[in-house]
Amino acid sequence: MNNRLFLLVLAVPSFLPFLWRLFRHGLAEPAGLLSDCAFGLAVYLLALSIPRLFRLLPLLLWSLFQA
């Protein structure tokens, strides 16, 4: 249970730009949706692969560049 919650906490900031664009513009911008999803997946996989102490760093950088 704890591991599932941790994966969800990592996934939310990673895929939030994708979901925001999807709800805001629908399927009108497929290239933007694809790029948001691809970069979100890259950040998510990077956050899973690095040591636990540094997992917050890529998520914070991704969030700052989306603002």
N, C-alpha and C. Protein backbone atom coordinates (compact mmCIF):
# COMPACT_ATOMS: atom_id res chain seq x y z
N MET A 1 0.82 -1.20 0.00
CA MET A 1 0.00 0.00 0.00
C MET A 1 0.86 1.26 0.00
N ASN A 2 1.91 1.25 0.80
CA ASN A 2 2.77 2.41 0.90
C ASN A 2 3.51 2.66 -0.42
N ASN A 3 3.90 1.58 -1.11
CA ASN A 3 4.61 1.72 -2.37
C ASN A 3 3.69 2.30 -3.45
N ARG A 4 2.42 1.90 -3.48
CA ARG A 4 1.48 2.44 -4.45
C ARG A 4 1.25 3.93 -4.23
N LEU A 5 1.14 4.32 -2.98
CA LEU A 5 0.95 5.74 -2.66
C LEU A 5 2.17 6.55 -3.09
N PHE A 6 3.35 6.00 -2.87
CA PHE A 6 4.58 6.69 -3.27
C PHE A 6 4.64 6.85 -4.78
N LEU A 7 4.27 5.83 -5.54
CA LEU A 7 4.27 5.92 -7.00
C LEU A 7 3.26 6.96 -7.48
N LEU A 8 2.13 7.04 -6.81
CA LEU A 8 1.12 8.04 -7.17
C LEU A 8 1.60 9.45 -6.88
N VAL A 9 2.29 9.62 -5.75
CA VAL A 9 2.82 10.94 -5.40
C VAL A 9 3.87 11.38 -6.42
N LEU A 10 4.65 10.45 -6.95
CA LEU A 10 5.63 10.80 -7.98
C LEU A 10 4.96 11.07 -9.32
N ALA A 11 3.87 10.38 -9.61
CA ALA A 11 3.22 10.49 -10.92
C ALA A 11 2.42 11.79 -11.07
N VAL A 12 1.84 12.28 -10.00
CA VAL A 12 0.98 13.46 -10.10
C VAL A 12 1.73 14.68 -10.63
N PRO A 13 2.85 15.09 -10.04
CA PRO A 13 3.53 16.26 -10.62
C PRO A 13 4.14 15.99 -11.98
N SER A 14 4.44 14.73 -12.28
CA SER A 14 5.04 14.42 -13.58
C SER A 14 4.04 14.58 -14.72
N PHE A 15 2.81 14.14 -14.50
CA PHE A 15 1.83 14.15 -15.57
C PHE A 15 0.78 15.26 -15.44
N LEU A 16 0.95 16.15 -14.50
CA LEU A 16 0.01 17.25 -14.33
C LEU A 16 -0.05 18.19 -15.53
N PRO A 17 1.07 18.56 -16.17
CA PRO A 17 0.98 19.40 -17.37
C PRO A 17 0.20 18.72 -18.50
N PHE A 18 0.38 17.41 -18.66
CA PHE A 18 -0.36 16.67 -19.66
C PHE A 18 -1.87 16.73 -19.38
N LEU A 19 -2.24 16.47 -18.14
CA LEU A 19 -3.66 16.50 -17.78
C LEU A 19 -4.25 17.90 -17.89
N TRP A 20 -3.47 18.90 -17.51
CA TRP A 20 -3.93 20.29 -17.61
C TRP A 20 -4.21 20.66 -19.05
N ARG A 21 -3.30 20.31 -19.97
CA ARG A 21 -3.49 20.62 -21.38
C ARG A 21 -4.67 19.83 -21.96
N LEU A 22 -4.83 18.60 -21.52
CA LEU A 22 -5.92 17.76 -22.01
C LEU A 22 -7.28 18.34 -21.60
N PHE A 23 -7.40 18.76 -20.35
CA PHE A 23 -8.68 19.33 -19.90
C PHE A 23 -8.92 20.73 -20.46
N ARG A 24 -7.86 21.47 -20.70
CA ARG A 24 -8.00 22.84 -21.17
C ARG A 24 -8.28 22.94 -22.67
N HIS A 25 -7.57 22.14 -23.46
CA HIS A 25 -7.68 22.24 -24.92
C HIS A 25 -8.27 21.00 -25.56
N GLY A 26 -8.48 19.95 -24.80
CA GLY A 26 -8.98 18.71 -25.38
C GLY A 26 -7.91 18.08 -26.27
N LEU A 27 -8.35 17.49 -27.35
CA LEU A 27 -7.43 16.84 -28.27
C LEU A 27 -7.03 17.75 -29.43
N ALA A 28 -7.20 19.06 -29.26
CA ALA A 28 -6.91 20.01 -30.32
C ALA A 28 -5.40 20.20 -30.55
N GLU A 29 -4.58 19.90 -29.55
CA GLU A 29 -3.13 20.07 -29.67
C GLU A 29 -2.43 18.73 -29.44
N PRO A 30 -2.46 17.84 -30.41
CA PRO A 30 -1.88 16.51 -30.18
C PRO A 30 -0.36 16.54 -29.99
N ALA A 31 0.34 17.45 -30.65
CA ALA A 31 1.79 17.52 -30.48
C ALA A 31 2.15 17.97 -29.06
N GLY A 32 1.41 18.93 -28.53
CA GLY A 32 1.64 19.38 -27.17
C GLY A 32 1.33 18.30 -26.15
N LEU A 33 0.25 17.57 -26.38
CA LEU A 33 -0.09 16.47 -25.48
C LEU A 33 0.99 15.40 -25.49
N LEU A 34 1.47 15.07 -26.68
CA LEU A 34 2.50 14.05 -26.81
C LEU A 34 3.79 14.48 -26.14
N SER A 35 4.17 15.74 -26.32
CA SER A 35 5.41 16.21 -25.70
C SER A 35 5.28 16.28 -24.17
N ASP A 36 4.14 16.74 -23.66
CA ASP A 36 3.93 16.78 -22.22
C ASP A 36 3.96 15.38 -21.62
N CYS A 37 3.35 14.44 -22.31
CA CYS A 37 3.33 13.06 -21.83
C CYS A 37 4.73 12.44 -21.89
N ALA A 38 5.46 12.69 -22.96
CA ALA A 38 6.81 12.12 -23.10
C ALA A 38 7.76 12.70 -22.05
N PHE A 39 7.75 14.01 -21.88
CA PHE A 39 8.63 14.61 -20.87
C PHE A 39 8.20 14.23 -19.46
N GLY A 40 6.90 14.13 -19.23
CA GLY A 40 6.42 13.68 -17.92
C GLY A 40 6.86 12.26 -17.62
N LEU A 41 6.80 11.40 -18.63
CA LEU A 41 7.26 10.02 -18.44
C LEU A 41 8.76 9.97 -18.19
N ALA A 42 9.52 10.80 -18.89
CA ALA A 42 10.97 10.84 -18.68
C ALA A 42 11.30 11.31 -17.27
N VAL A 43 10.61 12.33 -16.79
CA VAL A 43 10.85 12.83 -15.43
C VAL A 43 10.44 11.78 -14.40
N TYR A 44 9.33 11.11 -14.65
CA TYR A 44 8.84 10.06 -13.74
C TYR A 44 9.84 8.90 -13.66
N LEU A 45 10.33 8.44 -14.81
CA LEU A 45 11.30 7.34 -14.81
C LEU A 45 12.63 7.77 -14.20
N LEU A 46 13.02 9.01 -14.42
CA LEU A 46 14.24 9.52 -13.80
C LEU A 46 14.08 9.56 -12.28
N ALA A 47 12.92 10.01 -11.82
CA ALA A 47 12.68 10.08 -10.38
C ALA A 47 12.65 8.68 -9.75
N LEU A 48 12.21 7.69 -10.50
CA LEU A 48 12.20 6.33 -9.97
C LEU A 48 13.59 5.71 -9.96
N SER A 49 14.45 6.13 -10.87
CA SER A 49 15.74 5.46 -11.00
C SER A 49 16.84 6.05 -10.11
N ILE A 50 16.69 7.27 -9.66
CA ILE A 50 17.75 7.87 -8.84
C ILE A 50 17.49 7.54 -7.36
N PRO A 51 18.49 7.72 -6.50
CA PRO A 51 18.31 7.41 -5.08
C PRO A 51 17.18 8.24 -4.45
N ARG A 52 16.62 7.70 -3.43
CA ARG A 52 15.44 8.28 -2.79
C ARG A 52 15.67 9.71 -2.29
N LEU A 53 16.86 10.00 -1.86
CA LEU A 53 17.17 11.32 -1.32
C LEU A 53 17.04 12.41 -2.38
N PHE A 54 17.32 12.09 -3.65
CA PHE A 54 17.33 13.07 -4.72
C PHE A 54 16.09 13.03 -5.61
N ARG A 55 15.07 12.28 -5.27
CA ARG A 55 13.90 12.12 -6.13
C ARG A 55 13.08 13.40 -6.26
N LEU A 56 13.13 14.23 -5.29
CA LEU A 56 12.33 15.45 -5.33
C LEU A 56 12.91 16.50 -6.28
N LEU A 57 14.21 16.46 -6.51
CA LEU A 57 14.87 17.45 -7.36
C LEU A 57 14.33 17.49 -8.80
N PRO A 58 14.25 16.37 -9.53
CA PRO A 58 13.71 16.48 -10.90
C PRO A 58 12.24 16.89 -10.92
N LEU A 59 11.48 16.48 -9.92
CA LEU A 59 10.07 16.87 -9.87
C LEU A 59 9.92 18.36 -9.62
N LEU A 60 10.75 18.91 -8.76
CA LEU A 60 10.70 20.36 -8.51
C LEU A 60 11.14 21.15 -9.74
N LEU A 61 12.18 20.70 -10.41
CA LEU A 61 12.63 21.38 -11.62
C LEU A 61 11.57 21.31 -12.71
N TRP A 62 10.95 20.17 -12.87
CA TRP A 62 9.88 20.01 -13.87
C TRP A 62 8.71 20.94 -13.54
N SER A 63 8.35 21.02 -12.27
CA SER A 63 7.23 21.89 -11.86
C SER A 63 7.57 23.37 -12.07
N LEU A 64 8.81 23.76 -11.79
CA LEU A 64 9.20 25.16 -11.97
C LEU A 64 9.19 25.56 -13.44
N PHE A 65 9.60 24.69 -14.33
CA PHE A 65 9.62 25.01 -15.75
C PHE A 65 8.22 25.01 -16.36
N GLN A 66 7.25 24.42 -15.69
CA GLN A 66 5.88 24.40 -16.20
C GLN A 66 5.10 25.64 -15.77
N ALA A 67 5.58 26.33 -14.76
CA ALA A 67 4.85 27.49 -14.25
C ALA A 67 5.01 28.71 -15.12
